[in-house]
Every structure is written in C-alpha cells, then in structure tokens.
C-alpha cells in the first residue's frame, strides 16, 4: 500500500494543523516528510540470489549422500536448479520487503536513509528561510528510521540531544501504530523548543514554507 493510501485526508489535515499551531508563536518553519523507501538496495537481490543458489547446491549434496531417492545426478538439471533457485531468491528480495531488509544490512539502510533525508531537505527547500530556521522531520518507513534535521540557525543554539529525544518518541509511537500521533507530538514539541530558545515570531514574519505533509 502506498503512503498516499495509508493515511486519510483527516490524518493529513491533523499534521497540517499541528504545523500551523506550532508555528503560531515562532519564527521557524517545520516541514514533515514521509517516504516509503529511501533506497533501491540492489545489493540485497544479489545477496539473496547467491544465498539461495548456495542452499540449492547444498541440498543437492545432502540428497546425494543421505537421501539417494531424491538425489539429482543430471549435471544440466543441477545447473538449472541452482540458477532457478538464485533467480527465485533475487526476485523474492526485490518484491518482498521483509526479505530484502534481511539481506541489506543496517549500514546500507542508515546510509541510504541519511542520503534521502539530505536530498529531501534540499528538494523541499527547508534551508530557504530568512534566518535559516527550518526544521525537517523525516520518516522513512521501509528502513524504519526517523531523522530530524534543523538548519544552521537553529542547530547552533539547540543541542542535538533534543532532536535525539524527539526521534526516540516518534519511533515509539510508530511501533505502537500511532504514526500520526507521534508526528503531531513531535511537531508541537518543535514549536516549544524554538520558543524556549528565543525564536519568537516577529511582526514582519511570514509563512515561508507550506504547512502540509510532504509524501515522496
């Protein structure tokens, strides 16, 4: 199911309303971003294919030694079995997320998510505020990762531990199936953090970035 279908119009409106409320008294801009997947992970297909091929070859050896009645002796048939097993593993990894996640490895997941978050920060022009006071809350669902990026106007004042705590809260809500609740809480907390650190709304302040959730 795509992200557009996963969330109702009412849920999307809740996030937009939370952003609007959080920004009422602050000079910052809060940008929530959801992505289904941050990378393609072709390496997982290769790994799955090699693994299933190796398992097929191992089974050929086991059957030959211990279960002769199921053994295969035709070299061409053995070759086809190994190739087909490899293709099956690669295809399974390509189309089944839980299998792909097994063969990717956390390092690749982390790197792809960070790169996608950095790209989203630029694409959504979170940096494009007068005082560099944009904050992006980024959730990548396949990787099950959350990243909060504050622009330099905020990051030089607010400690990283604040964002780490926020990330932890969002993840806890996601695990309980309360994605929208977690995002709402995080957005409102962003407003509180900026208010606590003196990012007050000025008389000439304008809404520089739109309030709605970005789904990529």
N, C-alpha and C. Protein backbone atom coordinates (compact mmCIF):
# COMPACT_ATOMS: atom_id res chain seq x y z
N UNK A 1 0.84 -1.19 0.00
CA UNK A 1 0.00 0.00 0.00
C UNK A 1 0.88 1.25 0.00
N UNK A 2 0.58 2.20 -0.90
CA UNK A 2 1.36 3.43 -0.97
C UNK A 2 1.04 4.32 0.22
N UNK A 3 1.94 5.25 0.49
CA UNK A 3 1.74 6.15 1.62
C UNK A 3 0.51 7.04 1.41
N UNK A 4 0.24 7.40 0.17
CA UNK A 4 -0.93 8.24 -0.11
C UNK A 4 -2.23 7.55 0.30
N UNK A 5 -2.25 6.22 0.20
CA UNK A 5 -3.45 5.47 0.55
C UNK A 5 -3.45 5.06 2.03
N UNK A 6 -2.27 5.06 2.64
CA UNK A 6 -2.17 4.62 4.03
C UNK A 6 -2.78 5.63 5.00
N UNK A 7 -2.73 6.89 4.64
CA UNK A 7 -3.21 7.94 5.54
C UNK A 7 -4.43 8.65 4.94
N UNK A 8 -5.42 8.87 5.78
CA UNK A 8 -6.65 9.51 5.32
C UNK A 8 -6.47 11.02 5.21
N UNK A 9 -7.42 11.66 4.55
CA UNK A 9 -7.38 13.11 4.41
C UNK A 9 -7.45 13.78 5.78
N UNK A 10 -8.20 13.19 6.69
CA UNK A 10 -8.31 13.74 8.04
C UNK A 10 -6.97 13.68 8.77
N UNK A 11 -6.26 12.58 8.60
CA UNK A 11 -4.96 12.43 9.25
C UNK A 11 -3.95 13.43 8.69
N UNK A 12 -3.99 13.64 7.38
CA UNK A 12 -3.10 14.61 6.76
C UNK A 12 -3.43 16.02 7.24
N UNK A 13 -4.71 16.28 7.42
CA UNK A 13 -5.13 17.59 7.91
C UNK A 13 -4.68 17.81 9.36
N UNK A 14 -4.65 16.73 10.14
CA UNK A 14 -4.17 16.83 11.52
C UNK A 14 -2.71 17.28 11.57
N UNK A 15 -1.90 16.74 10.68
CA UNK A 15 -0.49 17.12 10.64
C UNK A 15 -0.35 18.58 10.21
N UNK A 16 -1.11 18.97 9.20
CA UNK A 16 -1.07 20.36 8.73
C UNK A 16 -1.47 21.32 9.84
N UNK A 17 -2.52 20.95 10.58
CA UNK A 17 -2.99 21.79 11.69
C UNK A 17 -1.95 21.88 12.79
N UNK A 18 -1.24 20.77 13.04
CA UNK A 18 -0.20 20.76 14.07
C UNK A 18 0.94 21.69 13.68
N UNK A 19 1.32 21.68 12.40
CA UNK A 19 2.38 22.57 11.93
C UNK A 19 1.95 24.02 12.09
N UNK A 20 0.72 24.31 11.69
CA UNK A 20 0.20 25.68 11.80
C UNK A 20 0.19 26.15 13.25
N UNK A 21 -0.23 25.28 14.15
CA UNK A 21 -0.29 25.63 15.57
C UNK A 21 1.11 25.84 16.14
N UNK A 22 2.04 24.94 15.78
CA UNK A 22 3.41 25.02 16.30
C UNK A 22 4.12 26.29 15.85
N UNK A 23 3.76 26.79 14.66
CA UNK A 23 4.44 27.95 14.09
C UNK A 23 3.78 29.28 14.47
N UNK A 24 2.69 29.23 15.23
CA UNK A 24 1.94 30.46 15.56
C UNK A 24 2.79 31.49 16.29
N UNK A 25 3.69 31.04 17.19
CA UNK A 25 4.45 31.97 18.03
C UNK A 25 5.95 31.97 17.75
N UNK A 26 6.37 31.21 16.74
CA UNK A 26 7.81 31.09 16.49
C UNK A 26 8.19 31.60 15.10
N UNK A 27 9.47 31.84 14.93
CA UNK A 27 9.96 32.31 13.63
C UNK A 27 10.44 31.17 12.75
N UNK A 28 10.37 29.95 13.24
CA UNK A 28 10.84 28.80 12.49
C UNK A 28 9.79 28.22 11.56
N UNK A 29 10.25 27.33 10.68
CA UNK A 29 9.37 26.62 9.74
C UNK A 29 9.57 25.12 9.93
N UNK A 30 8.48 24.39 10.11
CA UNK A 30 8.54 22.94 10.37
C UNK A 30 8.03 22.20 9.14
N UNK A 31 8.83 21.27 8.64
CA UNK A 31 8.50 20.54 7.41
C UNK A 31 8.48 19.04 7.68
N UNK A 32 7.30 18.42 7.74
CA UNK A 32 7.22 16.96 7.91
C UNK A 32 7.30 16.25 6.56
N UNK A 33 8.09 15.19 6.49
CA UNK A 33 8.28 14.45 5.23
C UNK A 33 8.17 12.96 5.49
N UNK A 34 7.34 12.27 4.69
CA UNK A 34 7.23 10.81 4.73
C UNK A 34 7.73 10.24 3.40
N UNK A 35 8.54 9.20 3.46
CA UNK A 35 8.89 8.45 2.25
C UNK A 35 8.67 6.97 2.51
N UNK A 36 8.26 6.25 1.50
CA UNK A 36 8.04 4.81 1.64
C UNK A 36 9.36 4.09 1.79
N UNK A 37 10.35 4.52 0.98
CA UNK A 37 11.62 3.80 0.93
C UNK A 37 12.72 4.77 0.51
N UNK A 38 13.87 4.68 1.14
CA UNK A 38 14.95 5.63 0.85
C UNK A 38 15.93 5.14 -0.21
N UNK A 39 15.99 3.83 -0.46
CA UNK A 39 16.95 3.31 -1.43
C UNK A 39 16.38 2.15 -2.23
N UNK A 40 17.15 1.71 -3.23
CA UNK A 40 16.71 0.59 -4.08
C UNK A 40 17.30 -0.74 -3.62
N UNK A 41 18.50 -0.73 -3.07
CA UNK A 41 19.13 -1.89 -2.44
C UNK A 41 19.27 -3.09 -3.37
N UNK A 42 19.84 -2.88 -4.53
CA UNK A 42 20.07 -4.00 -5.45
C UNK A 42 21.04 -5.01 -4.86
N UNK A 43 21.89 -4.56 -3.92
CA UNK A 43 22.82 -5.48 -3.28
C UNK A 43 22.08 -6.61 -2.56
N UNK A 44 20.88 -6.31 -2.05
CA UNK A 44 20.09 -7.33 -1.36
C UNK A 44 19.66 -8.42 -2.34
N UNK A 45 19.34 -8.04 -3.58
CA UNK A 45 18.94 -9.02 -4.59
C UNK A 45 20.09 -9.97 -4.91
N UNK A 46 21.30 -9.39 -5.04
CA UNK A 46 22.47 -10.23 -5.33
C UNK A 46 22.74 -11.19 -4.17
N UNK A 47 22.69 -10.65 -2.96
CA UNK A 47 22.96 -11.48 -1.78
C UNK A 47 21.92 -12.59 -1.63
N UNK A 48 20.68 -12.25 -1.85
CA UNK A 48 19.62 -13.26 -1.73
C UNK A 48 19.76 -14.31 -2.81
N UNK A 49 20.10 -13.90 -4.02
CA UNK A 49 20.30 -14.84 -5.12
C UNK A 49 21.44 -15.80 -4.85
N UNK A 50 22.57 -15.27 -4.38
CA UNK A 50 23.73 -16.11 -4.08
C UNK A 50 23.44 -17.07 -2.93
N UNK A 51 22.70 -16.56 -1.94
CA UNK A 51 22.38 -17.40 -0.78
C UNK A 51 21.48 -18.57 -1.15
N UNK A 52 20.44 -18.29 -1.93
CA UNK A 52 19.52 -19.37 -2.32
C UNK A 52 20.18 -20.34 -3.30
N UNK A 53 21.08 -19.84 -4.13
CA UNK A 53 21.83 -20.73 -5.02
C UNK A 53 22.71 -21.68 -4.21
N UNK A 54 23.39 -21.11 -3.22
CA UNK A 54 24.26 -21.92 -2.36
C UNK A 54 23.46 -22.96 -1.59
N UNK A 55 22.28 -22.57 -1.12
CA UNK A 55 21.43 -23.52 -0.39
C UNK A 55 20.96 -24.65 -1.31
N UNK A 56 20.63 -24.29 -2.55
CA UNK A 56 20.19 -25.32 -3.51
C UNK A 56 21.33 -26.31 -3.78
N UNK A 57 22.54 -25.80 -3.95
CA UNK A 57 23.69 -26.67 -4.18
C UNK A 57 23.96 -27.56 -2.97
N UNK A 58 23.80 -26.99 -1.79
CA UNK A 58 23.98 -27.76 -0.56
C UNK A 58 22.96 -28.89 -0.46
N UNK A 59 21.73 -28.60 -0.85
CA UNK A 59 20.69 -29.64 -0.83
C UNK A 59 20.99 -30.76 -1.82
N UNK A 60 21.54 -30.39 -2.97
CA UNK A 60 21.93 -31.42 -3.96
C UNK A 60 22.95 -32.38 -3.35
N UNK A 61 23.92 -31.81 -2.62
CA UNK A 61 24.95 -32.64 -1.97
C UNK A 61 24.35 -33.50 -0.86
N UNK A 62 23.47 -32.91 -0.04
CA UNK A 62 22.85 -33.65 1.06
C UNK A 62 22.02 -34.81 0.54
N UNK A 63 21.19 -34.55 -0.49
CA UNK A 63 20.36 -35.60 -1.06
C UNK A 63 21.22 -36.71 -1.68
N UNK A 64 22.32 -36.30 -2.32
CA UNK A 64 23.20 -37.29 -2.95
C UNK A 64 23.81 -38.24 -1.91
N UNK A 65 24.16 -37.70 -0.73
CA UNK A 65 24.84 -38.51 0.28
C UNK A 65 23.89 -39.24 1.22
N UNK A 66 22.77 -38.58 1.57
CA UNK A 66 21.94 -39.14 2.63
C UNK A 66 20.52 -39.55 2.19
N UNK A 67 20.05 -39.01 1.07
CA UNK A 67 18.71 -39.38 0.60
C UNK A 67 18.79 -39.69 -0.90
N UNK A 68 19.38 -40.80 -1.26
CA UNK A 68 19.61 -41.13 -2.68
C UNK A 68 18.33 -41.13 -3.53
N UNK A 69 17.21 -41.44 -2.88
CA UNK A 69 15.97 -41.50 -3.65
C UNK A 69 15.55 -40.13 -4.18
N UNK A 70 16.03 -39.05 -3.56
CA UNK A 70 15.69 -37.69 -4.00
C UNK A 70 16.87 -37.01 -4.71
N UNK A 71 17.94 -37.74 -4.89
CA UNK A 71 19.15 -37.16 -5.47
C UNK A 71 18.97 -36.84 -6.95
N UNK A 72 19.67 -35.82 -7.41
CA UNK A 72 19.68 -35.42 -8.82
C UNK A 72 21.11 -35.61 -9.34
N UNK A 73 21.24 -36.32 -10.46
CA UNK A 73 22.56 -36.63 -10.98
C UNK A 73 22.84 -36.00 -12.34
N UNK A 74 21.82 -35.55 -12.99
CA UNK A 74 22.00 -34.92 -14.30
C UNK A 74 22.65 -33.55 -14.12
N UNK A 75 23.85 -33.31 -14.65
CA UNK A 75 24.54 -32.02 -14.48
C UNK A 75 23.72 -30.82 -14.97
N UNK A 76 23.03 -31.01 -16.09
CA UNK A 76 22.23 -29.91 -16.62
C UNK A 76 21.08 -29.57 -15.68
N UNK A 77 20.44 -30.59 -15.13
CA UNK A 77 19.34 -30.36 -14.21
C UNK A 77 19.83 -29.70 -12.92
N UNK A 78 21.01 -30.12 -12.45
CA UNK A 78 21.59 -29.49 -11.26
C UNK A 78 21.86 -28.01 -11.52
N UNK A 79 22.42 -27.73 -12.70
CA UNK A 79 22.69 -26.33 -13.07
C UNK A 79 21.41 -25.51 -13.10
N UNK A 80 20.37 -26.05 -13.72
CA UNK A 80 19.09 -25.33 -13.81
C UNK A 80 18.48 -25.09 -12.44
N UNK A 81 18.57 -26.09 -11.57
CA UNK A 81 18.03 -25.95 -10.22
C UNK A 81 18.72 -24.82 -9.45
N UNK A 82 20.05 -24.78 -9.59
CA UNK A 82 20.81 -23.74 -8.87
C UNK A 82 20.50 -22.35 -9.42
N UNK A 83 20.44 -22.25 -10.76
CA UNK A 83 20.13 -20.96 -11.38
C UNK A 83 18.73 -20.48 -11.03
N UNK A 84 17.77 -21.39 -11.11
CA UNK A 84 16.39 -21.03 -10.78
C UNK A 84 16.24 -20.65 -9.31
N UNK A 85 16.97 -21.36 -8.47
CA UNK A 85 16.93 -21.02 -7.03
C UNK A 85 17.47 -19.61 -6.80
N UNK A 86 18.56 -19.30 -7.48
CA UNK A 86 19.14 -17.97 -7.36
C UNK A 86 18.19 -16.88 -7.85
N UNK A 87 17.56 -17.12 -8.99
CA UNK A 87 16.60 -16.16 -9.54
C UNK A 87 15.40 -15.97 -8.62
N UNK A 88 14.95 -17.08 -8.04
CA UNK A 88 13.81 -17.01 -7.11
C UNK A 88 14.16 -16.17 -5.89
N UNK A 89 15.37 -16.39 -5.36
CA UNK A 89 15.80 -15.61 -4.20
C UNK A 89 15.92 -14.13 -4.52
N UNK A 90 16.49 -13.82 -5.68
CA UNK A 90 16.65 -12.42 -6.08
C UNK A 90 15.30 -11.74 -6.28
N UNK A 91 14.38 -12.45 -6.93
CA UNK A 91 13.05 -11.87 -7.16
C UNK A 91 12.29 -11.70 -5.85
N UNK A 92 12.42 -12.67 -4.96
CA UNK A 92 11.74 -12.57 -3.66
C UNK A 92 12.24 -11.36 -2.89
N UNK A 93 13.55 -11.13 -2.94
CA UNK A 93 14.13 -9.99 -2.25
C UNK A 93 13.68 -8.68 -2.88
N UNK A 94 13.49 -8.70 -4.19
CA UNK A 94 13.11 -7.48 -4.91
C UNK A 94 11.67 -7.06 -4.61
N UNK A 95 10.80 -8.05 -4.39
CA UNK A 95 9.37 -7.75 -4.23
C UNK A 95 8.83 -7.90 -2.82
N UNK A 96 9.56 -8.57 -1.94
CA UNK A 96 9.11 -8.77 -0.56
C UNK A 96 10.02 -7.98 0.38
N UNK A 97 9.47 -6.95 0.97
CA UNK A 97 10.27 -6.03 1.79
C UNK A 97 10.97 -6.71 2.96
N UNK A 98 10.26 -7.63 3.63
CA UNK A 98 10.86 -8.25 4.81
C UNK A 98 12.07 -9.10 4.45
N UNK A 99 12.07 -9.69 3.24
CA UNK A 99 13.24 -10.46 2.79
C UNK A 99 14.36 -9.52 2.39
N UNK A 100 14.02 -8.46 1.70
CA UNK A 100 15.04 -7.50 1.28
C UNK A 100 15.74 -6.89 2.49
N UNK A 101 14.96 -6.60 3.53
CA UNK A 101 15.53 -5.98 4.72
C UNK A 101 16.56 -6.91 5.38
N UNK A 102 16.32 -8.22 5.30
CA UNK A 102 17.24 -9.20 5.89
C UNK A 102 18.61 -9.14 5.21
N UNK A 103 18.60 -8.97 3.89
CA UNK A 103 19.85 -9.05 3.12
C UNK A 103 20.53 -7.71 2.90
N UNK A 104 19.90 -6.62 3.28
CA UNK A 104 20.51 -5.30 3.04
C UNK A 104 21.64 -5.03 4.02
N UNK A 105 21.35 -5.14 5.30
CA UNK A 105 22.34 -4.77 6.31
C UNK A 105 22.09 -3.36 6.81
N UNK A 106 22.27 -3.17 8.11
CA UNK A 106 21.94 -1.88 8.73
C UNK A 106 22.78 -0.73 8.18
N UNK A 107 24.01 -1.02 7.83
CA UNK A 107 24.89 0.04 7.31
C UNK A 107 24.29 0.65 6.05
N UNK A 108 23.82 -0.18 5.13
CA UNK A 108 23.23 0.32 3.89
C UNK A 108 21.93 1.06 4.16
N UNK A 109 21.14 0.56 5.10
CA UNK A 109 19.88 1.23 5.45
C UNK A 109 20.14 2.62 6.00
N UNK A 110 21.09 2.71 6.91
CA UNK A 110 21.42 4.00 7.53
C UNK A 110 21.93 5.00 6.49
N UNK A 111 22.82 4.53 5.64
CA UNK A 111 23.42 5.43 4.64
C UNK A 111 22.38 5.93 3.65
N UNK A 112 21.53 5.02 3.16
CA UNK A 112 20.50 5.41 2.19
C UNK A 112 19.50 6.38 2.80
N UNK A 113 19.12 6.12 4.05
CA UNK A 113 18.16 6.99 4.71
C UNK A 113 18.72 8.39 4.91
N UNK A 114 19.98 8.46 5.32
CA UNK A 114 20.61 9.78 5.52
C UNK A 114 20.72 10.54 4.21
N UNK A 115 21.09 9.84 3.14
CA UNK A 115 21.21 10.49 1.84
C UNK A 115 19.86 11.00 1.36
N UNK A 116 18.82 10.17 1.56
CA UNK A 116 17.48 10.58 1.12
C UNK A 116 16.97 11.76 1.95
N UNK A 117 17.28 11.75 3.24
CA UNK A 117 16.87 12.87 4.10
C UNK A 117 17.57 14.15 3.67
N UNK A 118 18.86 14.07 3.39
CA UNK A 118 19.59 15.25 2.93
C UNK A 118 19.02 15.77 1.61
N UNK A 119 18.66 14.83 0.72
CA UNK A 119 18.07 15.23 -0.56
C UNK A 119 16.72 15.90 -0.35
N UNK A 120 15.90 15.33 0.54
CA UNK A 120 14.58 15.91 0.82
C UNK A 120 14.72 17.30 1.43
N UNK A 121 15.73 17.49 2.26
CA UNK A 121 15.98 18.80 2.88
C UNK A 121 16.20 19.87 1.80
N UNK A 122 16.92 19.48 0.75
CA UNK A 122 17.17 20.41 -0.36
C UNK A 122 15.95 20.55 -1.26
N UNK A 123 15.32 19.42 -1.60
CA UNK A 123 14.17 19.46 -2.51
C UNK A 123 13.01 20.26 -1.93
N UNK A 124 12.78 20.10 -0.65
CA UNK A 124 11.68 20.81 -0.01
C UNK A 124 12.08 22.22 0.43
N UNK A 125 13.33 22.59 0.12
CA UNK A 125 13.85 23.94 0.40
C UNK A 125 13.69 24.35 1.87
N UNK A 126 13.99 23.40 2.76
CA UNK A 126 13.89 23.69 4.19
C UNK A 126 14.91 24.76 4.57
N UNK A 127 15.98 24.86 3.80
CA UNK A 127 17.01 25.86 4.03
C UNK A 127 16.58 27.27 3.61
N UNK A 128 15.50 27.33 2.84
CA UNK A 128 15.11 28.59 2.21
C UNK A 128 14.24 29.45 3.13
N UNK A 129 14.79 29.80 4.28
CA UNK A 129 14.09 30.70 5.20
C UNK A 129 15.03 31.87 5.50
N UNK A 130 14.48 32.99 5.85
CA UNK A 130 15.25 34.22 6.01
C UNK A 130 16.37 34.08 7.04
N UNK A 131 16.08 33.43 8.16
CA UNK A 131 17.06 33.30 9.23
C UNK A 131 17.59 31.87 9.38
N UNK A 132 17.39 31.04 8.35
CA UNK A 132 17.84 29.64 8.35
C UNK A 132 17.28 28.90 9.57
N UNK A 133 15.96 29.01 9.75
CA UNK A 133 15.31 28.41 10.91
C UNK A 133 14.29 27.34 10.50
N UNK A 134 14.67 26.52 9.54
CA UNK A 134 13.80 25.42 9.13
C UNK A 134 14.14 24.14 9.86
N UNK A 135 13.13 23.32 10.12
CA UNK A 135 13.32 22.00 10.73
C UNK A 135 12.57 20.98 9.89
N UNK A 136 13.24 19.92 9.52
CA UNK A 136 12.58 18.83 8.78
C UNK A 136 12.49 17.60 9.67
N UNK A 137 11.28 17.03 9.76
CA UNK A 137 11.08 15.75 10.45
C UNK A 137 10.84 14.71 9.36
N UNK A 138 11.78 13.80 9.21
CA UNK A 138 11.81 12.87 8.08
C UNK A 138 11.59 11.44 8.58
N UNK A 139 10.60 10.75 7.99
CA UNK A 139 10.34 9.35 8.33
C UNK A 139 10.43 8.50 7.07
N UNK A 140 11.28 7.47 7.10
CA UNK A 140 11.39 6.52 6.00
C UNK A 140 10.88 5.17 6.51
N UNK A 141 9.76 4.72 5.96
CA UNK A 141 9.04 3.59 6.55
C UNK A 141 9.71 2.24 6.31
N UNK A 142 10.23 1.99 5.13
CA UNK A 142 10.87 0.70 4.88
C UNK A 142 12.05 0.49 5.83
N UNK A 143 12.86 1.52 5.96
CA UNK A 143 14.05 1.44 6.81
C UNK A 143 13.71 1.55 8.30
N UNK A 144 12.49 2.00 8.59
CA UNK A 144 12.05 2.20 9.98
C UNK A 144 12.97 3.20 10.69
N UNK A 145 13.26 4.27 10.00
CA UNK A 145 14.17 5.27 10.55
C UNK A 145 13.55 6.66 10.53
N UNK A 146 13.94 7.45 11.51
CA UNK A 146 13.46 8.83 11.65
C UNK A 146 14.68 9.73 11.79
N UNK A 147 14.66 10.84 11.05
CA UNK A 147 15.76 11.81 11.12
C UNK A 147 15.16 13.20 11.26
N UNK A 148 15.69 13.96 12.20
CA UNK A 148 15.29 15.36 12.36
C UNK A 148 16.50 16.22 12.00
N UNK A 149 16.32 17.11 11.04
CA UNK A 149 17.40 18.00 10.62
C UNK A 149 16.97 19.44 10.85
N UNK A 150 17.75 20.14 11.66
CA UNK A 150 17.50 21.56 11.91
C UNK A 150 18.53 22.37 11.15
N UNK A 151 18.08 23.44 10.48
CA UNK A 151 19.00 24.29 9.74
C UNK A 151 19.95 25.01 10.70
N UNK A 152 20.98 25.61 10.15
CA UNK A 152 22.07 26.12 10.98
C UNK A 152 21.65 27.22 11.95
N UNK A 153 20.61 27.96 11.62
CA UNK A 153 20.15 29.00 12.54
C UNK A 153 19.65 28.42 13.85
N UNK A 154 19.17 27.18 13.80
CA UNK A 154 18.67 26.50 15.00
C UNK A 154 19.72 25.58 15.60
N UNK A 155 20.43 24.85 14.74
CA UNK A 155 21.38 23.84 15.24
C UNK A 155 22.51 24.45 16.06
N UNK A 156 22.83 25.72 15.82
CA UNK A 156 23.90 26.33 16.61
C UNK A 156 23.42 26.76 18.00
N UNK A 157 22.12 26.66 18.23
CA UNK A 157 21.55 27.04 19.53
C UNK A 157 20.98 25.84 20.28
N UNK A 158 20.30 24.95 19.57
CA UNK A 158 19.64 23.80 20.20
C UNK A 158 20.55 22.58 20.16
N UNK A 159 20.71 21.92 21.28
CA UNK A 159 21.59 20.75 21.36
C UNK A 159 20.98 19.54 20.64
N UNK A 160 21.85 18.68 20.13
CA UNK A 160 21.42 17.50 19.37
C UNK A 160 20.57 16.56 20.21
N UNK A 161 20.80 16.53 21.51
CA UNK A 161 20.06 15.61 22.38
C UNK A 161 18.56 15.88 22.34
N UNK A 162 18.16 17.12 22.05
CA UNK A 162 16.74 17.45 21.94
C UNK A 162 16.12 16.71 20.76
N UNK A 163 16.84 16.71 19.64
CA UNK A 163 16.33 16.03 18.44
C UNK A 163 16.38 14.52 18.62
N UNK A 164 17.41 14.02 19.30
CA UNK A 164 17.51 12.58 19.55
C UNK A 164 16.33 12.10 20.39
N UNK A 165 15.97 12.90 21.37
CA UNK A 165 14.82 12.55 22.22
C UNK A 165 13.52 12.54 21.40
N UNK A 166 13.43 13.50 20.49
CA UNK A 166 12.25 13.57 19.63
C UNK A 166 12.15 12.36 18.72
N UNK A 167 13.28 11.98 18.14
CA UNK A 167 13.33 10.80 17.26
C UNK A 167 12.88 9.56 18.01
N UNK A 168 13.37 9.40 19.23
CA UNK A 168 13.00 8.25 20.06
C UNK A 168 11.49 8.21 20.29
N UNK A 169 10.89 9.35 20.57
CA UNK A 169 9.45 9.41 20.80
C UNK A 169 8.64 9.04 19.57
N UNK A 170 9.09 9.52 18.40
CA UNK A 170 8.39 9.20 17.16
C UNK A 170 8.45 7.70 16.88
N UNK A 171 9.64 7.12 17.07
CA UNK A 171 9.82 5.68 16.81
C UNK A 171 8.93 4.85 17.74
N UNK A 172 8.85 5.25 18.97
CA UNK A 172 7.99 4.54 19.93
C UNK A 172 6.54 4.57 19.48
N UNK A 173 6.08 5.70 18.99
CA UNK A 173 4.71 5.81 18.50
C UNK A 173 4.48 4.98 17.24
N UNK A 174 5.48 4.97 16.35
CA UNK A 174 5.36 4.16 15.13
C UNK A 174 5.23 2.69 15.47
N UNK A 175 5.99 2.22 16.45
CA UNK A 175 5.93 0.81 16.85
C UNK A 175 4.56 0.44 17.42
N UNK A 176 3.88 1.43 17.98
CA UNK A 176 2.53 1.20 18.52
C UNK A 176 1.45 1.45 17.48
N UNK A 177 1.88 1.76 16.24
CA UNK A 177 0.92 2.02 15.18
C UNK A 177 0.29 3.40 15.25
N UNK A 178 0.95 4.31 15.94
CA UNK A 178 0.41 5.67 16.12
C UNK A 178 1.32 6.68 15.42
N UNK A 179 1.43 6.53 14.10
CA UNK A 179 2.32 7.38 13.32
C UNK A 179 1.90 8.85 13.40
N UNK A 180 0.63 9.11 13.18
CA UNK A 180 0.13 10.49 13.16
C UNK A 180 0.25 11.12 14.54
N UNK A 181 -0.08 10.35 15.59
CA UNK A 181 0.06 10.86 16.96
C UNK A 181 1.52 11.25 17.24
N UNK A 182 2.43 10.38 16.83
CA UNK A 182 3.84 10.64 17.06
C UNK A 182 4.32 11.87 16.32
N UNK A 183 3.85 12.03 15.08
CA UNK A 183 4.26 13.19 14.29
C UNK A 183 3.66 14.48 14.86
N UNK A 184 2.41 14.41 15.27
CA UNK A 184 1.78 15.58 15.89
C UNK A 184 2.55 16.04 17.12
N UNK A 185 2.87 15.09 17.98
CA UNK A 185 3.60 15.41 19.21
C UNK A 185 4.96 16.02 18.90
N UNK A 186 5.65 15.46 17.92
CA UNK A 186 6.98 15.96 17.55
C UNK A 186 6.90 17.37 16.98
N UNK A 187 5.91 17.60 16.14
CA UNK A 187 5.77 18.93 15.54
C UNK A 187 5.51 19.99 16.61
N UNK A 188 4.60 19.68 17.52
CA UNK A 188 4.30 20.63 18.59
C UNK A 188 5.51 20.84 19.50
N UNK A 189 6.27 19.78 19.71
CA UNK A 189 7.48 19.89 20.53
C UNK A 189 8.52 20.78 19.85
N UNK A 190 8.59 20.71 18.53
CA UNK A 190 9.50 21.60 17.79
C UNK A 190 9.16 23.05 18.09
N UNK A 191 7.86 23.35 18.08
CA UNK A 191 7.43 24.71 18.40
C UNK A 191 7.85 25.13 19.79
N UNK A 192 7.71 24.21 20.74
CA UNK A 192 8.09 24.50 22.13
C UNK A 192 9.59 24.74 22.27
N UNK A 193 10.38 23.90 21.59
CA UNK A 193 11.84 24.03 21.66
C UNK A 193 12.28 25.38 21.12
N UNK A 194 11.74 25.78 19.99
CA UNK A 194 12.12 27.06 19.41
C UNK A 194 11.67 28.23 20.28
N UNK A 195 10.50 28.08 20.88
CA UNK A 195 10.01 29.13 21.77
C UNK A 195 10.92 29.27 23.00
N UNK A 196 11.32 28.11 23.54
CA UNK A 196 12.20 28.10 24.71
C UNK A 196 13.57 28.71 24.42
N UNK A 197 13.99 28.65 23.16
CA UNK A 197 15.31 29.15 22.78
C UNK A 197 15.27 30.51 22.10
N UNK A 198 14.15 31.19 22.23
CA UNK A 198 14.08 32.58 21.78
C UNK A 198 13.77 32.83 20.33
N UNK A 199 13.30 31.81 19.62
CA UNK A 199 12.94 32.01 18.22
C UNK A 199 11.49 32.52 18.13
N UNK A 200 11.31 33.76 18.57
CA UNK A 200 9.97 34.33 18.64
C UNK A 200 9.52 34.91 17.30
N UNK A 201 8.25 34.84 17.07
CA UNK A 201 7.69 35.37 15.83
C UNK A 201 7.75 36.90 15.86
N UNK A 202 8.19 37.49 14.78
CA UNK A 202 8.28 38.95 14.69
C UNK A 202 7.08 39.51 13.93
N UNK A 203 6.92 40.81 13.98
CA UNK A 203 5.76 41.44 13.34
C UNK A 203 5.79 41.31 11.82
N UNK A 204 6.99 41.20 11.26
CA UNK A 204 7.09 41.08 9.80
C UNK A 204 7.27 39.64 9.33
N UNK A 205 7.03 38.69 10.25
CA UNK A 205 7.21 37.27 9.92
C UNK A 205 6.11 36.80 8.96
N UNK A 206 6.51 36.01 7.97
CA UNK A 206 5.55 35.41 7.03
C UNK A 206 5.78 33.90 6.99
N UNK A 207 4.76 33.18 6.57
CA UNK A 207 4.87 31.73 6.46
C UNK A 207 5.65 31.40 5.18
N UNK A 208 6.92 31.06 5.34
CA UNK A 208 7.81 30.90 4.18
C UNK A 208 7.69 29.53 3.51
N UNK A 209 7.27 28.51 4.25
CA UNK A 209 7.11 27.17 3.68
C UNK A 209 5.73 26.66 4.03
N UNK A 210 5.11 25.93 3.11
CA UNK A 210 3.74 25.47 3.34
C UNK A 210 3.70 24.48 4.50
N UNK A 211 2.51 24.35 5.10
CA UNK A 211 2.37 23.58 6.35
C UNK A 211 2.05 22.10 6.15
N UNK A 212 1.69 21.69 4.97
CA UNK A 212 1.20 20.32 4.81
C UNK A 212 2.34 19.29 4.78
N UNK A 213 1.96 18.04 5.00
CA UNK A 213 2.89 16.92 4.99
C UNK A 213 3.35 16.65 3.55
N UNK A 214 4.64 16.45 3.40
CA UNK A 214 5.19 16.06 2.08
C UNK A 214 5.30 14.55 2.05
N UNK A 215 4.72 13.92 1.03
CA UNK A 215 4.83 12.47 0.84
C UNK A 215 5.57 12.24 -0.47
N UNK A 216 6.71 11.58 -0.37
CA UNK A 216 7.54 11.37 -1.57
C UNK A 216 7.66 9.90 -1.91
